[in-house]
Amino acid sequence: MNNIEKYLLPISQFIEIDGMNVHYTIEGRGNTIVLMHGSGSSLHTFIAVSNTLKEHYQVLSLDLPGFGLTGIRPDKDYRIETYVSFLHKFLGYLSIKNFVLVGNSLGGNIAWNYAHTHFDQLNGLVLMNATGYPEKSLPLPMKMAKTAIGRFLIRRLMSRKMTEKNLRKLVGTNMTILDEEFVERVYTLGKANLDGFFDNARTKQKDNSPGIKEIKVPTLVLRGENVDGQHFAKDLPNSKEIIYPGTGHLLPDEIPLEIAASINSFVQSLL
């Protein structure tokens, strides 16, 4: 067993799309909720959230291209439009329709772009500290990954200790202790997918944010107290926002039970 295979789950499944063996899990019954993680993360970030939601819904989580056990794209194409196309193919292969799409950070960026182009597939949208506005600030590792010298330094300095330090900057004051397994997972999977992280960070993305105001899908906006570049509640015409005091960027890891409860209440309001 190599060092990333230990992150296989008893319910892990794989499907081949765009030359990748895409890792995903699906469990529970009822209305479908699709969960998408952020940059540098994996579907494991949603395990605690999923464990609560699966009691009432069918919950689908996936490792996005460039991350987790799915790994890097052979063509190195990490444009948001390509992610949207990939997601549409993935859900089509699994015959998933009429679902609630949930995304954290990068996953949120993909989610609202998907809602803009495939609104007919969605019952609802949940955005957690989503990216996509051009003025939103980036974590230091993503800024560094955009330059050759930055990528060189990341390769040289990347360690479990450095990973923990970077995670500490992303979480809020409520998360006083970082779980050892959490740090180890982010470090191990991050190291295995480092080239994908670099290609993702230096991909020139088109500014699609003007289209946010055109999204009519019912939307729940979940935000960490001090996360910037968040104008979704203002720009989305059919949205509600919840701000969690003392939280940062990694809401599914920081307050999974609260996040699951918020998603559950939102989905129930749609039924």
C-alpha atoms as a PDB file:
ATOM      1  CA  MET A   1       0.000   0.000   0.000  1.00  0.00           C
ATOM      2  CA  ASN A   2       1.404   3.412  -0.930  1.00  0.00           C
ATOM      3  CA  ASN A   3       1.043   6.377   1.385  1.00  0.00           C
ATOM      4  CA  ILE A   4      -2.165   7.718  -0.199  1.00  0.00           C
ATOM      5  CA  GLU A   5      -4.046   4.412  -0.435  1.00  0.00           C
ATOM      6  CA  LYS A   6      -4.562   4.561   3.315  1.00  0.00           C
ATOM      7  CA  TYR A   7      -7.137   7.271   2.570  1.00  0.00           C
ATOM      8  CA  LEU A   8      -9.366   4.856   0.696  1.00  0.00           C
ATOM      9  CA  LEU A   9     -12.674   4.500   2.516  1.00  0.00           C
ATOM     10  CA  PRO A  10     -14.809   1.362   2.854  1.00  0.00           C
ATOM     11  CA  ILE A  11     -17.348   3.103   0.594  1.00  0.00           C
ATOM     12  CA  SER A  12     -14.788   4.451  -1.939  1.00  0.00           C
ATOM     13  CA  GLN A  13     -15.733   4.060  -5.591  1.00  0.00           C
ATOM     14  CA  PHE A  14     -14.039   5.062  -8.852  1.00  0.00           C
ATOM     15  CA  ILE A  15     -15.201   6.004 -12.321  1.00  0.00           C
ATOM     16  CA  GLU A  16     -13.063   6.944 -15.353  1.00  0.00           C
ATOM     17  CA  ILE A  17     -13.682  10.428 -16.739  1.00  0.00           C
ATOM     18  CA  ASP A  18     -11.381  12.614 -18.871  1.00  0.00           C
ATOM     19  CA  GLY A  19      -8.512  10.137 -18.466  1.00  0.00           C
ATOM     20  CA  MET A  20      -8.755  10.144 -14.641  1.00  0.00           C
ATOM     21  CA  ASN A  21      -9.927   7.497 -12.202  1.00  0.00           C
ATOM     22  CA  VAL A  22     -12.273   9.747 -10.224  1.00  0.00           C
ATOM     23  CA  HIS A  23     -12.667   8.923  -6.527  1.00  0.00           C
ATOM     24  CA  TYR A  24     -16.103   9.378  -4.994  1.00  0.00           C
ATOM     25  CA  THR A  25     -18.454   8.118  -2.285  1.00  0.00           C
ATOM     26  CA  ILE A  26     -22.226   7.850  -2.316  1.00  0.00           C
ATOM     27  CA  GLU A  27     -24.427   6.766   0.579  1.00  0.00           C
ATOM     28  CA  GLY A  28     -27.869   7.274   2.061  1.00  0.00           C
ATOM     29  CA  ARG A  29     -31.264   7.567   0.397  1.00  0.00           C
ATOM     30  CA  GLY A  30     -33.621  10.320  -0.597  1.00  0.00           C
ATOM     31  CA  ASN A  31     -33.021  13.688  -2.244  1.00  0.00           C
ATOM     32  CA  THR A  32     -29.459  14.037  -3.492  1.00  0.00           C
ATOM     33  CA  ILE A  33     -26.846  16.399  -2.086  1.00  0.00           C
ATOM     34  CA  VAL A  34     -23.516  16.730  -3.948  1.00  0.00           C
ATOM     35  CA  LEU A  35     -20.502  17.916  -1.909  1.00  0.00           C
ATOM     36  CA  MET A  36     -17.379  19.512  -3.428  1.00  0.00           C
ATOM     37  CA  HIS A  37     -14.232  20.370  -1.461  1.00  0.00           C
ATOM     38  CA  GLY A  38     -11.794  23.250  -1.865  1.00  0.00           C
ATOM     39  CA  SER A  39      -8.253  23.628  -3.198  1.00  0.00           C
ATOM     40  CA  GLY A  40      -5.661  21.455  -1.464  1.00  0.00           C
ATOM     41  CA  SER A  41      -8.386  19.361   0.128  1.00  0.00           C
ATOM     42  CA  SER A  42     -10.321  16.149  -0.628  1.00  0.00           C
ATOM     43  CA  LEU A  43     -13.723  14.582  -0.082  1.00  0.00           C
ATOM     44  CA  HIS A  44     -12.541  13.603   3.417  1.00  0.00           C
ATOM     45  CA  THR A  45     -13.218  17.170   4.541  1.00  0.00           C
ATOM     46  CA  PHE A  46     -16.951  16.372   4.326  1.00  0.00           C
ATOM     47  CA  ILE A  47     -16.981  13.006   6.145  1.00  0.00           C
ATOM     48  CA  ALA A  48     -18.464  14.380   9.372  1.00  0.00           C
ATOM     49  CA  VAL A  49     -20.990  16.497   7.433  1.00  0.00           C
ATOM     50  CA  SER A  50     -21.940  13.530   5.259  1.00  0.00           C
ATOM     51  CA  ASN A  51     -22.326  11.198   8.226  1.00  0.00           C
ATOM     52  CA  THR A  52     -25.084  13.467   9.524  1.00  0.00           C
ATOM     53  CA  LEU A  53     -26.791  14.217   6.206  1.00  0.00           C
ATOM     54  CA  LYS A  54     -26.851  10.603   4.976  1.00  0.00           C
ATOM     55  CA  GLU A  55     -29.475   9.808   7.600  1.00  0.00           C
ATOM     56  CA  HIS A  56     -31.985  11.787   5.522  1.00  0.00           C
ATOM     57  CA  TYR A  57     -30.508  12.192   2.025  1.00  0.00           C
ATOM     58  CA  GLN A  58     -28.419  10.522  -0.651  1.00  0.00           C
ATOM     59  CA  VAL A  59     -25.011  12.182  -0.252  1.00  0.00           C
ATOM     60  CA  LEU A  60     -22.423  12.183  -3.038  1.00  0.00           C
ATOM     61  CA  SER A  61     -18.866  13.435  -2.433  1.00  0.00           C
ATOM     62  CA  LEU A  62     -15.994  13.466  -4.914  1.00  0.00           C
ATOM     63  CA  ASP A  63     -12.305  14.224  -5.132  1.00  0.00           C
ATOM     64  CA  LEU A  64     -12.041  16.996  -7.722  1.00  0.00           C
ATOM     65  CA  PRO A  65      -9.411  16.723 -10.484  1.00  0.00           C
ATOM     66  CA  GLY A  66      -6.013  17.769  -9.147  1.00  0.00           C
ATOM     67  CA  PHE A  67      -6.737  16.626  -5.597  1.00  0.00           C
ATOM     68  CA  GLY A  68      -7.306  13.673  -3.295  1.00  0.00           C
ATOM     69  CA  LEU A  69      -7.257  10.173  -4.771  1.00  0.00           C
ATOM     70  CA  THR A  70      -8.480  11.380  -8.165  1.00  0.00           C
ATOM     71  CA  GLY A  71      -5.112  13.012  -8.802  1.00  0.00           C
ATOM     72  CA  ILE A  72      -3.948  15.352 -11.514  1.00  0.00           C
ATOM     73  CA  ARG A  73      -5.519  15.949 -14.919  1.00  0.00           C
ATOM     74  CA  PRO A  74      -3.418  14.483 -17.773  1.00  0.00           C
ATOM     75  CA  ASP A  75      -4.085  17.621 -19.846  1.00  0.00           C
ATOM     76  CA  LYS A  76      -3.355  20.044 -16.944  1.00  0.00           C
ATOM     77  CA  ASP A  77      -6.540  21.976 -17.779  1.00  0.00           C
ATOM     78  CA  TYR A  78      -7.868  23.486 -14.543  1.00  0.00           C
ATOM     79  CA  ARG A  79     -10.055  26.249 -15.929  1.00  0.00           C
ATOM     80  CA  ILE A  80     -13.321  26.638 -14.036  1.00  0.00           C
ATOM     81  CA  GLU A  81     -15.198  25.994 -17.264  1.00  0.00           C
ATOM     82  CA  THR A  82     -13.379  22.649 -17.557  1.00  0.00           C
ATOM     83  CA  TYR A  83     -14.314  21.768 -13.986  1.00  0.00           C
ATOM     84  CA  VAL A  84     -17.968  22.544 -14.796  1.00  0.00           C
ATOM     85  CA  SER A  85     -17.807  20.326 -17.892  1.00  0.00           C
ATOM     86  CA  PHE A  86     -16.163  17.554 -15.871  1.00  0.00           C
ATOM     87  CA  LEU A  87     -18.822  17.783 -13.147  1.00  0.00           C
ATOM     88  CA  HIS A  88     -21.616  17.606 -15.722  1.00  0.00           C
ATOM     89  CA  LYS A  89     -20.094  14.446 -17.230  1.00  0.00           C
ATOM     90  CA  PHE A  90     -19.522  12.907 -13.793  1.00  0.00           C
ATOM     91  CA  LEU A  91     -23.102  13.482 -12.653  1.00  0.00           C
ATOM     92  CA  GLY A  92     -24.420  12.295 -16.015  1.00  0.00           C
ATOM     93  CA  TYR A  93     -22.542   8.994 -15.754  1.00  0.00           C
ATOM     94  CA  LEU A  94     -24.094   8.449 -12.326  1.00  0.00           C
ATOM     95  CA  SER A  95     -27.562   9.565 -13.553  1.00  0.00           C
ATOM     96  CA  ILE A  96     -27.749  12.270 -10.867  1.00  0.00           C
ATOM     97  CA  LYS A  97     -30.430  14.900 -11.554  1.00  0.00           C
ATOM     98  CA  ASN A  98     -32.390  17.433  -9.500  1.00  0.00           C
ATOM     99  CA  PHE A  99     -29.939  17.792  -6.645  1.00  0.00           C
ATOM    100  CA  VAL A 100     -28.584  20.339  -4.193  1.00  0.00           C
ATOM    101  CA  LEU A 101     -25.007  21.319  -5.037  1.00  0.00           C
ATOM    102  CA  VAL A 102     -22.695  22.247  -2.150  1.00  0.00           C
ATOM    103  CA  GLY A 103     -19.198  23.685  -2.589  1.00  0.00           C
ATOM    104  CA  ASN A 104     -16.493  24.976  -0.276  1.00  0.00           C
ATOM    105  CA  SER A 105     -13.885  27.472  -1.592  1.00  0.00           C
ATOM    106  CA  LEU A 106     -12.844  26.219  -5.075  1.00  0.00           C
ATOM    107  CA  GLY A 107     -15.753  23.771  -4.907  1.00  0.00           C
ATOM    108  CA  GLY A 108     -18.030  26.752  -4.328  1.00  0.00           C
ATOM    109  CA  ASN A 109     -16.576  28.517  -7.366  1.00  0.00           C
ATOM    110  CA  ILE A 110     -17.309  25.467  -9.494  1.00  0.00           C
ATOM    111  CA  ALA A 111     -20.774  25.192  -7.923  1.00  0.00           C
ATOM    112  CA  TRP A 112     -21.990  28.701  -8.737  1.00  0.00           C
ATOM    113  CA  ASN A 113     -20.546  28.482 -12.249  1.00  0.00           C
ATOM    114  CA  TYR A 114     -22.380  25.174 -12.677  1.00  0.00           C
ATOM    115  CA  ALA A 115     -25.578  26.828 -11.420  1.00  0.00           C
ATOM    116  CA  HIS A 116     -25.156  29.572 -14.016  1.00  0.00           C
ATOM    117  CA  THR A 117     -24.935  27.148 -16.945  1.00  0.00           C
ATOM    118  CA  HIS A 118     -26.910  24.105 -15.714  1.00  0.00           C
ATOM    119  CA  PHE A 119     -29.553  25.721 -13.496  1.00  0.00           C
ATOM    120  CA  ASP A 120     -32.162  23.257 -14.769  1.00  0.00           C
ATOM    121  CA  GLN A 121     -30.347  20.441 -12.944  1.00  0.00           C
ATOM    122  CA  LEU A 122     -30.390  22.074  -9.512  1.00  0.00           C
ATOM    123  CA  ASN A 123     -32.908  22.231  -6.702  1.00  0.00           C
ATOM    124  CA  GLY A 124     -30.610  24.403  -4.618  1.00  0.00           C
ATOM    125  CA  LEU A 125     -27.091  25.747  -4.170  1.00  0.00           C
ATOM    126  CA  VAL A 126     -24.936  26.034  -1.035  1.00  0.00           C
ATOM    127  CA  LEU A 127     -21.799  28.183  -1.171  1.00  0.00           C
ATOM    128  CA  MET A 128     -19.251  27.967   1.660  1.00  0.00           C
ATOM    129  CA  ASN A 129     -16.556  30.644   1.518  1.00  0.00           C
ATOM    130  CA  ALA A 130     -16.718  30.271  -2.244  1.00  0.00           C
ATOM    131  CA  THR A 131     -14.136  31.846  -4.523  1.00  0.00           C
ATOM    132  CA  GLY A 132     -14.735  33.534  -7.858  1.00  0.00           C
ATOM    133  CA  TYR A 133     -14.681  37.257  -7.166  1.00  0.00           C
ATOM    134  CA  PRO A 134     -11.476  38.768  -8.626  1.00  0.00           C
ATOM    135  CA  GLU A 135     -10.602  40.804  -5.512  1.00  0.00           C
ATOM    136  CA  LYS A 136     -10.752  37.842  -3.116  1.00  0.00           C
ATOM    137  CA  SER A 137      -7.412  37.362  -1.355  1.00  0.00           C
ATOM    138  CA  LEU A 138      -5.494  34.094  -1.735  1.00  0.00           C
ATOM    139  CA  PRO A 139      -3.690  32.011   0.902  1.00  0.00           C
ATOM    140  CA  LEU A 140       0.100  32.397   0.795  1.00  0.00           C
ATOM    141  CA  PRO A 141       0.791  28.931  -0.722  1.00  0.00           C
ATOM    142  CA  MET A 142      -1.482  29.726  -3.681  1.00  0.00           C
ATOM    143  CA  LYS A 143       0.223  33.072  -4.210  1.00  0.00           C
ATOM    144  CA  MET A 144       3.635  31.384  -4.096  1.00  0.00           C
ATOM    145  CA  ALA A 145       2.538  28.651  -6.522  1.00  0.00           C
ATOM    146  CA  LYS A 146       1.963  31.264  -9.220  1.00  0.00           C
ATOM    147  CA  THR A 147       5.706  31.985  -9.559  1.00  0.00           C
ATOM    148  CA  ALA A 148       8.684  29.752 -10.405  1.00  0.00           C
ATOM    149  CA  ILE A 149      10.626  30.790  -7.309  1.00  0.00           C
ATOM    150  CA  GLY A 150       7.537  30.244  -5.163  1.00  0.00           C
ATOM    151  CA  ARG A 151       7.062  26.727  -6.523  1.00  0.00           C
ATOM    152  CA  PHE A 152      10.751  25.985  -5.899  1.00  0.00           C
ATOM    153  CA  LEU A 153      10.429  27.130  -2.291  1.00  0.00           C
ATOM    154  CA  ILE A 154       7.274  25.112  -1.706  1.00  0.00           C
ATOM    155  CA  ARG A 155       9.001  21.956  -2.972  1.00  0.00           C
ATOM    156  CA  ARG A 156      11.984  22.601  -0.714  1.00  0.00           C
ATOM    157  CA  LEU A 157      10.077  23.667   2.400  1.00  0.00           C
ATOM    158  CA  MET A 158       6.965  21.497   2.248  1.00  0.00           C
ATOM    159  CA  SER A 159       6.661  19.491   5.438  1.00  0.00           C
ATOM    160  CA  ARG A 160       4.056  18.341   7.900  1.00  0.00           C
ATOM    161  CA  LYS A 161       5.037  21.213  10.208  1.00  0.00           C
ATOM    162  CA  MET A 162       4.645  23.780   7.429  1.00  0.00           C
ATOM    163  CA  THR A 163       1.284  22.266   6.451  1.00  0.00           C
ATOM    164  CA  GLU A 164       0.058  22.640  10.020  1.00  0.00           C
ATOM    165  CA  LYS A 165       1.252  26.247  10.086  1.00  0.00           C
ATOM    166  CA  ASN A 166      -0.617  27.057   6.869  1.00  0.00           C
ATOM    167  CA  LEU A 167      -3.783  25.328   8.075  1.00  0.00           C
ATOM    168  CA  ARG A 168      -3.618  27.327  11.284  1.00  0.00           C
ATOM    169  CA  LYS A 169      -3.873  30.514   9.198  1.00  0.00           C
ATOM    170  CA  LEU A 170      -6.981  29.227   7.417  1.00  0.00           C
ATOM    171  CA  VAL A 171      -9.095  28.200  10.396  1.00  0.00           C
ATOM    172  CA  GLY A 172     -10.827  30.517  12.841  1.00  0.00           C
ATOM    173  CA  THR A 173     -10.270  31.137  16.519  1.00  0.00           C
ATOM    174  CA  ASN A 174     -12.814  28.466  17.478  1.00  0.00           C
ATOM    175  CA  MET A 175     -10.505  25.724  16.191  1.00  0.00           C
ATOM    176  CA  THR A 176      -7.835  25.915  18.886  1.00  0.00           C
ATOM    177  CA  ILE A 177      -6.491  22.412  18.233  1.00  0.00           C
ATOM    178  CA  LEU A 178      -5.757  20.962  14.794  1.00  0.00           C
ATOM    179  CA  ASP A 179      -6.483  17.248  14.691  1.00  0.00           C
ATOM    180  CA  GLU A 180      -3.329  15.205  13.987  1.00  0.00           C
ATOM    181  CA  GLU A 181      -5.053  13.010  11.396  1.00  0.00           C
ATOM    182  CA  PHE A 182      -6.434  16.093   9.646  1.00  0.00           C
ATOM    183  CA  VAL A 183      -2.979  17.664   9.305  1.00  0.00           C
ATOM    184  CA  GLU A 184      -1.396  14.382   8.194  1.00  0.00           C
ATOM    185  CA  ARG A 185      -4.057  13.824   5.533  1.00  0.00           C
ATOM    186  CA  VAL A 186      -3.754  17.314   4.069  1.00  0.00           C
ATOM    187  CA  TYR A 187       0.035  17.010   4.018  1.00  0.00           C
ATOM    188  CA  THR A 188       0.150  13.514   2.486  1.00  0.00           C
ATOM    189  CA  LEU A 189      -2.463  14.088  -0.218  1.00  0.00           C
ATOM    190  CA  GLY A 190      -1.119  17.587  -0.881  1.00  0.00           C
ATOM    191  CA  LYS A 191       2.383  16.263  -1.468  1.00  0.00           C
ATOM    192  CA  ALA A 192       1.077  13.534  -3.787  1.00  0.00           C
ATOM    193  CA  ASN A 193      -0.825  16.124  -5.856  1.00  0.00           C
ATOM    194  CA  LEU A 194       1.699  18.961  -5.711  1.00  0.00           C
ATOM    195  CA  ASP A 195       2.075  19.312  -9.482  1.00  0.00           C
ATOM    196  CA  GLY A 196      -1.703  19.524  -9.838  1.00  0.00           C
ATOM    197  CA  PHE A 197      -1.831  22.213  -7.147  1.00  0.00           C
ATOM    198  CA  PHE A 198       0.833  24.208  -9.015  1.00  0.00           C
ATOM    199  CA  ASP A 199      -0.952  23.892 -12.374  1.00  0.00           C
ATOM    200  CA  ASN A 200      -4.239  24.855 -10.747  1.00  0.00           C
ATOM    201  CA  ALA A 201      -2.802  27.923  -9.017  1.00  0.00           C
ATOM    202  CA  ARG A 202      -1.167  29.324 -12.149  1.00  0.00           C
ATOM    203  CA  THR A 203      -4.165  28.732 -14.435  1.00  0.00           C
ATOM    204  CA  LYS A 204      -5.456  32.056 -15.722  1.00  0.00           C
ATOM    205  CA  GLN A 205      -9.139  32.087 -14.856  1.00  0.00           C
ATOM    206  CA  LYS A 206     -11.792  34.105 -16.642  1.00  0.00           C
ATOM    207  CA  ASP A 207     -13.744  36.526 -14.441  1.00  0.00           C
ATOM    208  CA  ASN A 208     -17.271  35.107 -14.526  1.00  0.00           C
ATOM    209  CA  SER A 209     -18.443  37.016 -11.449  1.00  0.00           C
ATOM    210  CA  PRO A 210     -20.763  39.389 -13.399  1.00  0.00           C
ATOM    211  CA  GLY A 211     -22.911  36.326 -14.105  1.00  0.00           C
ATOM    212  CA  ILE A 212     -23.558  35.701 -10.405  1.00  0.00           C
ATOM    213  CA  LYS A 213     -26.443  38.189 -10.429  1.00  0.00           C
ATOM    214  CA  GLU A 214     -28.157  36.083 -13.107  1.00  0.00           C
ATOM    215  CA  ILE A 215     -28.319  32.930 -10.951  1.00  0.00           C
ATOM    216  CA  LYS A 216     -31.900  32.363  -9.813  1.00  0.00           C
ATOM    217  CA  VAL A 217     -31.351  29.015  -8.050  1.00  0.00           C
ATOM    218  CA  PRO A 218     -32.273  29.173  -4.325  1.00  0.00           C
ATOM    219  CA  THR A 219     -28.950  29.626  -2.547  1.00  0.00           C
ATOM    220  CA  LEU A 220     -27.635  29.314   0.990  1.00  0.00           C
ATOM    221  CA  VAL A 221     -24.447  31.316   1.586  1.00  0.00           C
ATOM    222  CA  LEU A 222     -22.316  30.066   4.502  1.00  0.00           C
ATOM    223  CA  ARG A 223     -19.399  32.268   5.526  1.00  0.00           C
ATOM    224  CA  GLY A 224     -16.614  32.298   8.059  1.00  0.00           C
ATOM    225  CA  GLU A 225     -16.608  35.510  10.078  1.00  0.00           C
ATOM    226  CA  ASN A 226     -13.358  36.943   8.717  1.00  0.00           C
ATOM    227  CA  VAL A 227     -13.403  35.583   5.155  1.00  0.00           C
ATOM    228  CA  ASP A 228     -13.176  38.344   2.552  1.00  0.00           C
ATOM    229  CA  GLY A 229     -14.304  38.682  -1.067  1.00  0.00           C
ATOM    230  CA  GLN A 230     -17.804  37.447  -0.280  1.00  0.00           C
ATOM    231  CA  HIS A 231     -20.564  39.340  -2.063  1.00  0.00           C
ATOM    232  CA  PHE A 232     -22.849  36.411  -2.868  1.00  0.00           C
ATOM    233  CA  ALA A 233     -25.578  37.403  -0.421  1.00  0.00           C
ATOM    234  CA  LYS A 234     -25.729  40.827  -2.107  1.00  0.00           C
ATOM    235  CA  ASP A 235     -25.439  39.649  -5.703  1.00  0.00           C
ATOM    236  CA  LEU A 236     -27.547  36.476  -5.683  1.00  0.00           C
ATOM    237  CA  PRO A 237     -31.216  37.466  -6.001  1.00  0.00           C
ATOM    238  CA  ASN A 238     -32.563  34.356  -4.251  1.00  0.00           C
ATOM    239  CA  SER A 239     -30.183  33.813  -1.344  1.00  0.00           C
ATOM    240  CA  LYS A 240     -29.854  33.670   2.426  1.00  0.00           C
ATOM    241  CA  GLU A 241     -26.574  34.118   4.315  1.00  0.00           C
ATOM    242  CA  ILE A 242     -25.346  32.649   7.593  1.00  0.00           C
ATOM    243  CA  ILE A 243     -22.120  33.968   9.154  1.00  0.00           C
ATOM    244  CA  TYR A 244     -20.437  31.787  11.775  1.00  0.00           C
ATOM    245  CA  PRO A 245     -18.520  33.726  14.471  1.00  0.00           C
ATOM    246  CA  GLY A 246     -14.991  32.563  15.217  1.00  0.00           C
ATOM    247  CA  THR A 247     -14.672  30.494  12.057  1.00  0.00           C
ATOM    248  CA  GLY A 248     -12.315  30.697   9.104  1.00  0.00           C
ATOM    249  CA  HIS A 249     -12.053  29.273   5.614  1.00  0.00           C
ATOM    250  CA  LEU A 250     -12.418  25.535   6.323  1.00  0.00           C
ATOM    251  CA  LEU A 251     -16.003  25.391   7.577  1.00  0.00           C
ATOM    252  CA  PRO A 252     -16.621  21.637   6.989  1.00  0.00           C
ATOM    253  CA  ASP A 253     -13.565  20.814   9.113  1.00  0.00           C
ATOM    254  CA  GLU A 254     -14.172  23.483  11.746  1.00  0.00           C
ATOM    255  CA  ILE A 255     -17.881  23.142  12.513  1.00  0.00           C
ATOM    256  CA  PRO A 256     -19.236  20.067  10.661  1.00  0.00           C
ATOM    257  CA  LEU A 257     -22.330  19.587  12.820  1.00  0.00           C
ATOM    258  CA  GLU A 258     -23.393  23.215  12.406  1.00  0.00           C
ATOM    259  CA  ILE A 259     -22.776  23.043   8.669  1.00  0.00           C
ATOM    260  CA  ALA A 260     -24.793  19.834   8.347  1.00  0.00           C
ATOM    261  CA  ALA A 261     -27.651  21.373  10.334  1.00  0.00           C
ATOM    262  CA  SER A 262     -27.675  24.482   8.123  1.00  0.00           C
ATOM    263  CA  ILE A 263     -27.678  22.406   4.940  1.00  0.00           C
ATOM    264  CA  ASN A 264     -30.445  20.176   6.296  1.00  0.00           C
ATOM    265  CA  SER A 265     -32.660  23.166   7.181  1.00  0.00           C
ATOM    266  CA  PHE A 266     -32.053  24.673   3.744  1.00  0.00           C
ATOM    267  CA  VAL A 267     -32.879  21.444   1.886  1.00  0.00           C
ATOM    268  CA  GLN A 268     -36.015  20.971   3.980  1.00  0.00           C
ATOM    269  CA  SER A 269     -37.135  24.485   2.984  1.00  0.00           C
ATOM    270  CA  LEU A 270     -36.931  23.445  -0.675  1.00  0.00           C
ATOM    271  CA  LEU A 271     -39.147  20.380  -0.321  1.00  0.00           C
END
